[in-house]
Amino acid sequence: MNNNKILIELDIPLIEKSYDLYIPINKKIGTVKNLIEEALVELTDNAYVIKKESNFYSKETGQIYEVNLSVRETDLKNGSRIILI
C-alpha cells in the first residue's frame, strides 16, 4: 500500500456521478480540487463546468474542507466520502 495517497469516494451531484479516487496526502485540498475539476471537464465532454466557489464537503458531516490545508491536515482517510459542490 502506498502511504502517500488515500482512496476516497467522490460524489458529484452536478453530473450525477461518483468516483473512487486516490488523492495525494501531501497536496493542498485546493490543488487536488482543481486537478479533479480539470479532469471532470475532459471526462464529461464539458458537461462539468468549473466554478471558483465549488468546494469539497464531507458526506457524513457536511464540513467544508479548507482549500489551504493539505489533505494530511484534514480528517480525510481511506474510505472517506466527500461531495464536490
N, C-alpha and C. Protein backbone atom coordinates (compact mmCIF):
# COMPACT_ATOMS: atom_id res chain seq x y z
N MET A 1 0.83 -1.19 0.00
CA MET A 1 0.00 0.00 0.00
C MET A 1 0.87 1.24 0.00
N ASN A 2 0.44 2.23 -0.74
CA ASN A 2 1.18 3.47 -0.85
C ASN A 2 0.75 4.42 0.26
N ASN A 3 1.69 4.85 1.10
CA ASN A 3 1.36 5.74 2.22
C ASN A 3 1.23 7.20 1.82
N ASN A 4 1.47 7.51 0.55
CA ASN A 4 1.39 8.89 0.09
C ASN A 4 0.02 9.26 -0.47
N LYS A 5 -0.88 8.28 -0.55
CA LYS A 5 -2.20 8.52 -1.13
C LYS A 5 -3.27 7.84 -0.29
N ILE A 6 -4.49 8.40 -0.40
CA ILE A 6 -5.63 7.75 0.23
C ILE A 6 -6.72 7.55 -0.83
N LEU A 7 -7.56 6.57 -0.60
CA LEU A 7 -8.67 6.27 -1.51
C LEU A 7 -9.93 6.90 -0.94
N ILE A 8 -10.55 7.79 -1.74
CA ILE A 8 -11.79 8.44 -1.33
C ILE A 8 -12.90 8.12 -2.32
N GLU A 9 -14.14 8.32 -1.88
CA GLU A 9 -15.29 8.25 -2.78
C GLU A 9 -15.77 9.67 -2.99
N LEU A 10 -15.78 10.11 -4.23
CA LEU A 10 -16.17 11.48 -4.57
C LEU A 10 -17.49 11.47 -5.31
N ASP A 11 -18.50 12.14 -4.75
CA ASP A 11 -19.80 12.30 -5.40
C ASP A 11 -19.85 13.68 -6.05
N ILE A 12 -20.36 13.73 -7.28
CA ILE A 12 -20.52 15.00 -7.99
C ILE A 12 -21.97 15.10 -8.43
N PRO A 13 -22.81 15.75 -7.60
CA PRO A 13 -24.25 15.84 -7.91
C PRO A 13 -24.54 16.52 -9.25
N LEU A 14 -23.74 17.49 -9.64
CA LEU A 14 -23.99 18.24 -10.87
C LEU A 14 -24.07 17.34 -12.10
N ILE A 15 -23.25 16.28 -12.10
CA ILE A 15 -23.26 15.36 -13.25
C ILE A 15 -23.79 13.97 -12.87
N GLU A 16 -24.29 13.87 -11.63
CA GLU A 16 -24.87 12.62 -11.13
C GLU A 16 -23.92 11.44 -11.28
N LYS A 17 -22.67 11.64 -10.85
CA LYS A 17 -21.64 10.59 -10.92
C LYS A 17 -20.92 10.48 -9.59
N SER A 18 -20.32 9.33 -9.38
CA SER A 18 -19.50 9.08 -8.21
C SER A 18 -18.24 8.35 -8.68
N TYR A 19 -17.11 8.72 -8.09
CA TYR A 19 -15.83 8.12 -8.47
C TYR A 19 -15.04 7.72 -7.23
N ASP A 20 -14.32 6.62 -7.32
CA ASP A 20 -13.33 6.24 -6.31
C ASP A 20 -11.99 6.74 -6.82
N LEU A 21 -11.34 7.58 -6.02
CA LEU A 21 -10.09 8.22 -6.45
C LEU A 21 -9.01 8.09 -5.39
N TYR A 22 -7.79 7.93 -5.84
CA TYR A 22 -6.63 8.06 -4.96
C TYR A 22 -6.18 9.51 -5.03
N ILE A 23 -6.02 10.14 -3.86
CA ILE A 23 -5.53 11.50 -3.84
C ILE A 23 -4.27 11.57 -2.97
N PRO A 24 -3.31 12.42 -3.34
CA PRO A 24 -2.07 12.54 -2.57
C PRO A 24 -2.30 13.28 -1.26
N ILE A 25 -1.71 12.79 -0.19
CA ILE A 25 -1.92 13.41 1.12
C ILE A 25 -1.04 14.65 1.33
N ASN A 26 -0.03 14.83 0.51
CA ASN A 26 0.87 15.97 0.71
C ASN A 26 0.47 17.19 -0.11
N LYS A 27 -0.59 17.11 -0.90
CA LYS A 27 -1.07 18.25 -1.70
C LYS A 27 -2.17 19.00 -0.95
N LYS A 28 -2.32 20.26 -1.27
CA LYS A 28 -3.38 21.07 -0.67
C LYS A 28 -4.74 20.67 -1.28
N ILE A 29 -5.77 20.78 -0.46
CA ILE A 29 -7.13 20.46 -0.91
C ILE A 29 -7.48 21.24 -2.17
N GLY A 30 -7.12 22.52 -2.22
CA GLY A 30 -7.40 23.34 -3.39
C GLY A 30 -6.74 22.82 -4.66
N THR A 31 -5.51 22.35 -4.53
CA THR A 31 -4.79 21.78 -5.68
C THR A 31 -5.46 20.50 -6.16
N VAL A 32 -5.82 19.64 -5.23
CA VAL A 32 -6.50 18.38 -5.57
C VAL A 32 -7.84 18.68 -6.24
N LYS A 33 -8.58 19.64 -5.69
CA LYS A 33 -9.88 20.01 -6.26
C LYS A 33 -9.73 20.51 -7.69
N ASN A 34 -8.74 21.37 -7.91
CA ASN A 34 -8.50 21.91 -9.26
C ASN A 34 -8.15 20.80 -10.25
N LEU A 35 -7.30 19.88 -9.85
CA LEU A 35 -6.92 18.78 -10.75
C LEU A 35 -8.11 17.89 -11.08
N ILE A 36 -8.92 17.60 -10.07
CA ILE A 36 -10.10 16.76 -10.29
C ILE A 36 -11.09 17.47 -11.21
N GLU A 37 -11.30 18.77 -10.98
CA GLU A 37 -12.25 19.51 -11.83
C GLU A 37 -11.77 19.56 -13.28
N GLU A 38 -10.48 19.76 -13.49
CA GLU A 38 -9.96 19.77 -14.86
C GLU A 38 -10.18 18.42 -15.54
N ALA A 39 -9.97 17.34 -14.80
CA ALA A 39 -10.20 16.01 -15.35
C ALA A 39 -11.69 15.79 -15.65
N LEU A 40 -12.56 16.29 -14.77
CA LEU A 40 -14.01 16.14 -14.98
C LEU A 40 -14.47 16.84 -16.25
N VAL A 41 -13.91 17.99 -16.54
CA VAL A 41 -14.27 18.71 -17.76
C VAL A 41 -13.99 17.82 -18.97
N GLU A 42 -12.82 17.20 -18.97
CA GLU A 42 -12.45 16.32 -20.09
C GLU A 42 -13.29 15.05 -20.13
N LEU A 43 -13.48 14.43 -18.97
CA LEU A 43 -14.23 13.17 -18.91
C LEU A 43 -15.69 13.32 -19.32
N THR A 44 -16.25 14.49 -19.08
CA THR A 44 -17.67 14.70 -19.34
C THR A 44 -17.93 15.50 -20.62
N ASP A 45 -16.92 15.68 -21.44
CA ASP A 45 -17.06 16.48 -22.67
C ASP A 45 -17.68 17.84 -22.37
N ASN A 46 -17.15 18.50 -21.38
CA ASN A 46 -17.54 19.84 -20.95
C ASN A 46 -18.92 19.92 -20.28
N ALA A 47 -19.50 18.79 -19.90
CA ALA A 47 -20.76 18.83 -19.16
C ALA A 47 -20.53 19.37 -17.75
N TYR A 48 -19.34 19.11 -17.19
CA TYR A 48 -18.98 19.67 -15.89
C TYR A 48 -18.35 21.03 -16.13
N VAL A 49 -18.84 22.04 -15.42
CA VAL A 49 -18.31 23.40 -15.55
C VAL A 49 -17.62 23.78 -14.25
N ILE A 50 -16.36 24.19 -14.36
CA ILE A 50 -15.59 24.59 -13.18
C ILE A 50 -16.11 25.91 -12.64
N LYS A 51 -16.34 25.93 -11.33
CA LYS A 51 -16.78 27.16 -10.66
C LYS A 51 -15.81 27.45 -9.52
N LYS A 52 -15.40 28.70 -9.40
CA LYS A 52 -14.47 29.10 -8.35
C LYS A 52 -15.00 28.79 -6.96
N GLU A 53 -16.31 28.92 -6.79
CA GLU A 53 -16.89 28.76 -5.46
C GLU A 53 -17.16 27.30 -5.07
N SER A 54 -16.83 26.34 -5.92
CA SER A 54 -17.05 24.94 -5.57
C SER A 54 -16.09 24.51 -4.46
N ASN A 55 -16.55 23.57 -3.65
CA ASN A 55 -15.76 23.06 -2.53
C ASN A 55 -16.01 21.57 -2.34
N PHE A 56 -15.09 20.97 -1.58
CA PHE A 56 -15.28 19.60 -1.11
C PHE A 56 -16.00 19.67 0.24
N TYR A 57 -16.98 18.80 0.42
CA TYR A 57 -17.71 18.69 1.67
C TYR A 57 -17.68 17.24 2.14
N SER A 58 -17.65 17.04 3.44
CA SER A 58 -17.78 15.70 4.00
C SER A 58 -19.20 15.22 3.77
N LYS A 59 -19.36 14.02 3.24
CA LYS A 59 -20.70 13.49 3.01
C LYS A 59 -21.38 13.15 4.33
N GLU A 60 -20.60 12.80 5.35
CA GLU A 60 -21.17 12.42 6.64
C GLU A 60 -21.53 13.62 7.50
N THR A 61 -20.68 14.65 7.53
CA THR A 61 -20.88 15.76 8.47
C THR A 61 -21.27 17.08 7.81
N GLY A 62 -21.05 17.21 6.51
CA GLY A 62 -21.31 18.47 5.83
C GLY A 62 -20.18 19.48 5.97
N GLN A 63 -19.12 19.11 6.67
CA GLN A 63 -17.97 20.00 6.87
C GLN A 63 -17.35 20.39 5.53
N ILE A 64 -17.01 21.68 5.40
CA ILE A 64 -16.29 22.16 4.21
C ILE A 64 -14.81 21.94 4.45
N TYR A 65 -14.12 21.42 3.44
CA TYR A 65 -12.67 21.24 3.56
C TYR A 65 -11.96 22.49 3.07
N GLU A 66 -11.16 23.08 3.95
CA GLU A 66 -10.42 24.31 3.68
C GLU A 66 -9.39 24.08 2.58
N VAL A 67 -9.44 24.90 1.52
CA VAL A 67 -8.58 24.70 0.35
C VAL A 67 -7.10 24.92 0.64
N ASN A 68 -6.77 25.64 1.70
CA ASN A 68 -5.36 25.91 2.02
C ASN A 68 -4.71 24.86 2.90
N LEU A 69 -5.48 23.87 3.34
CA LEU A 69 -4.92 22.78 4.15
C LEU A 69 -4.48 21.64 3.24
N SER A 70 -3.43 20.95 3.63
CA SER A 70 -3.05 19.75 2.89
C SER A 70 -4.03 18.65 3.28
N VAL A 71 -4.15 17.66 2.43
CA VAL A 71 -5.04 16.52 2.72
C VAL A 71 -4.66 15.91 4.06
N ARG A 72 -3.37 15.84 4.34
CA ARG A 72 -2.86 15.26 5.59
C ARG A 72 -3.37 16.01 6.82
N GLU A 73 -3.61 17.32 6.68
CA GLU A 73 -4.04 18.15 7.80
C GLU A 73 -5.55 18.08 8.06
N THR A 74 -6.26 17.32 7.25
CA THR A 74 -7.71 17.18 7.42
C THR A 74 -8.02 15.83 8.04
N ASP A 75 -9.31 15.54 8.20
CA ASP A 75 -9.71 14.24 8.74
C ASP A 75 -9.91 13.19 7.62
N LEU A 76 -9.54 13.54 6.39
CA LEU A 76 -9.70 12.59 5.29
C LEU A 76 -8.79 11.38 5.48
N LYS A 77 -9.34 10.20 5.20
CA LYS A 77 -8.59 8.95 5.31
C LYS A 77 -9.14 7.98 4.29
N ASN A 78 -8.52 6.82 4.17
CA ASN A 78 -9.02 5.81 3.25
C ASN A 78 -10.49 5.54 3.52
N GLY A 79 -11.30 5.58 2.47
CA GLY A 79 -12.72 5.31 2.60
C GLY A 79 -13.58 6.53 2.86
N SER A 80 -12.96 7.71 3.01
CA SER A 80 -13.74 8.93 3.23
C SER A 80 -14.65 9.18 2.04
N ARG A 81 -15.84 9.70 2.33
CA ARG A 81 -16.80 10.02 1.28
C ARG A 81 -16.99 11.52 1.27
N ILE A 82 -16.72 12.14 0.11
CA ILE A 82 -16.85 13.58 0.00
C ILE A 82 -17.70 13.94 -1.20
N ILE A 83 -18.19 15.18 -1.17
CA ILE A 83 -19.05 15.69 -2.24
C ILE A 83 -18.37 16.93 -2.82
N LEU A 84 -18.41 17.06 -4.14
CA LEU A 84 -17.92 18.26 -4.80
C LEU A 84 -19.13 19.08 -5.26
N ILE A 85 -19.34 20.21 -4.60
CA ILE A 85 -20.46 21.10 -4.94
C ILE A 85 -19.91 22.49 -5.19
